[in-house]
Every structure is written in C-alpha cells, then in structure tokens.
C-alpha cells in the first residue's frame, strides 16, 4: 500500500473511537496491523480497529 493511502486510512481510523473494518479492505487493515499502526479487534462479529501510538506517530509526525 502506498504511503498516502496508508495515511488516508489511518485518518479514518483515528477519527473514530473504534473503526469498523470497511468491506473489501481487510488486506489493507491487516497490512497496517503488521506494520504496528493499528490493532484489529477480532473478538466481535464485526471486526474493528484502533490506531496505535506508532500509527499516530506515522500519521502526524512523519516528515517524508
């Protein structure tokens, strides 16, 4: 996933307390989770995600 696409998805997740995983976007969410930018809650029927401190750093403080 491109850097701008990652930031765009992280912005959506950050705007919500618990962001439902958007249909068809599972791979993108899993990539962000592998990078440590989000955590996916798989304990409910509708999986949700939340941004991690690493994700906040990437979203708001990355200068590249």
Protein backbone atom coordinates (compact mmCIF):
# COMPACT_ATOMS: atom_id res chain seq x y z
CA UNK A 1 0.00 0.00 0.00
CA UNK A 2 1.31 3.46 -0.84
CA UNK A 3 2.22 5.85 1.96
CA UNK A 4 -0.58 8.33 1.14
CA UNK A 5 -3.15 5.51 1.07
CA UNK A 6 -1.92 4.34 4.48
CA UNK A 7 -2.22 7.86 5.89
CA UNK A 8 -5.70 8.27 4.43
CA UNK A 9 -6.93 5.04 6.04
CA UNK A 10 -5.22 5.90 9.34
CA UNK A 11 -7.02 9.28 9.33
CA UNK A 12 -10.37 7.47 9.02
CA UNK A 13 -9.47 5.10 11.86
CA UNK A 14 -8.23 7.97 14.06
CA UNK A 15 -11.50 9.90 13.65
CA UNK A 16 -13.46 7.06 15.25
CA UNK A 17 -13.09 5.53 18.70
CA UNK A 18 -13.46 2.05 17.22
CA UNK A 19 -13.42 1.92 13.43
CA UNK A 20 -15.36 -0.91 11.80
CA UNK A 21 -13.35 -2.63 9.11
CA UNK A 22 -14.68 -1.45 5.78
CA UNK A 23 -15.88 -4.19 3.45
CA UNK A 24 -13.26 -5.33 0.98
CA UNK A 25 -10.48 -3.53 2.88
CA UNK A 26 -9.33 -6.42 5.08
CA UNK A 27 -5.92 -6.71 3.36
CA UNK A 28 -5.17 -3.02 3.85
CA UNK A 29 -6.12 -3.18 7.54
CA UNK A 30 -4.01 -6.31 8.01
CA UNK A 31 -1.04 -4.56 6.39
CA UNK A 32 -1.41 -1.62 8.79
CA UNK A 33 -1.62 -4.09 11.68
CA UNK A 34 1.57 -5.89 10.53
CA UNK A 35 3.33 -2.50 10.47
CA UNK A 36 2.14 -1.87 14.04
CA UNK A 37 0.00 1.15 13.12
CA UNK A 38 -3.36 -0.32 14.21
CA UNK A 39 -4.78 -3.12 16.35
CA UNK A 40 -7.62 -5.21 14.98
CA UNK A 41 -10.24 -6.40 17.47
CA UNK A 42 -11.40 -9.77 16.19
CA UNK A 43 -13.42 -10.71 19.27
CA UNK A 44 -16.72 -9.39 17.90
CA UNK A 45 -18.71 -10.34 14.81
CA UNK A 46 -17.88 -7.01 13.16
CA UNK A 47 -14.11 -6.63 13.42
CA UNK A 48 -12.94 -3.16 14.37
CA UNK A 49 -9.62 -1.40 14.60
CA UNK A 50 -7.94 1.27 16.65
CA UNK A 51 -4.85 3.31 15.93
CA UNK A 52 -1.69 2.64 17.96
CA UNK A 53 0.84 5.20 19.21
CA UNK A 54 3.06 4.10 16.30
CA UNK A 55 0.21 4.82 13.89
CA UNK A 56 -0.29 8.27 15.41
CA UNK A 57 3.42 8.97 15.02
CA UNK A 58 3.37 7.89 11.36
CA UNK A 59 0.21 9.88 10.63
CA UNK A 60 1.06 13.15 12.34
CA UNK A 61 4.83 13.30 12.70
CA UNK A 62 6.28 11.53 9.66
CA UNK A 63 8.15 14.10 7.59
CA UNK A 64 8.89 12.03 4.47
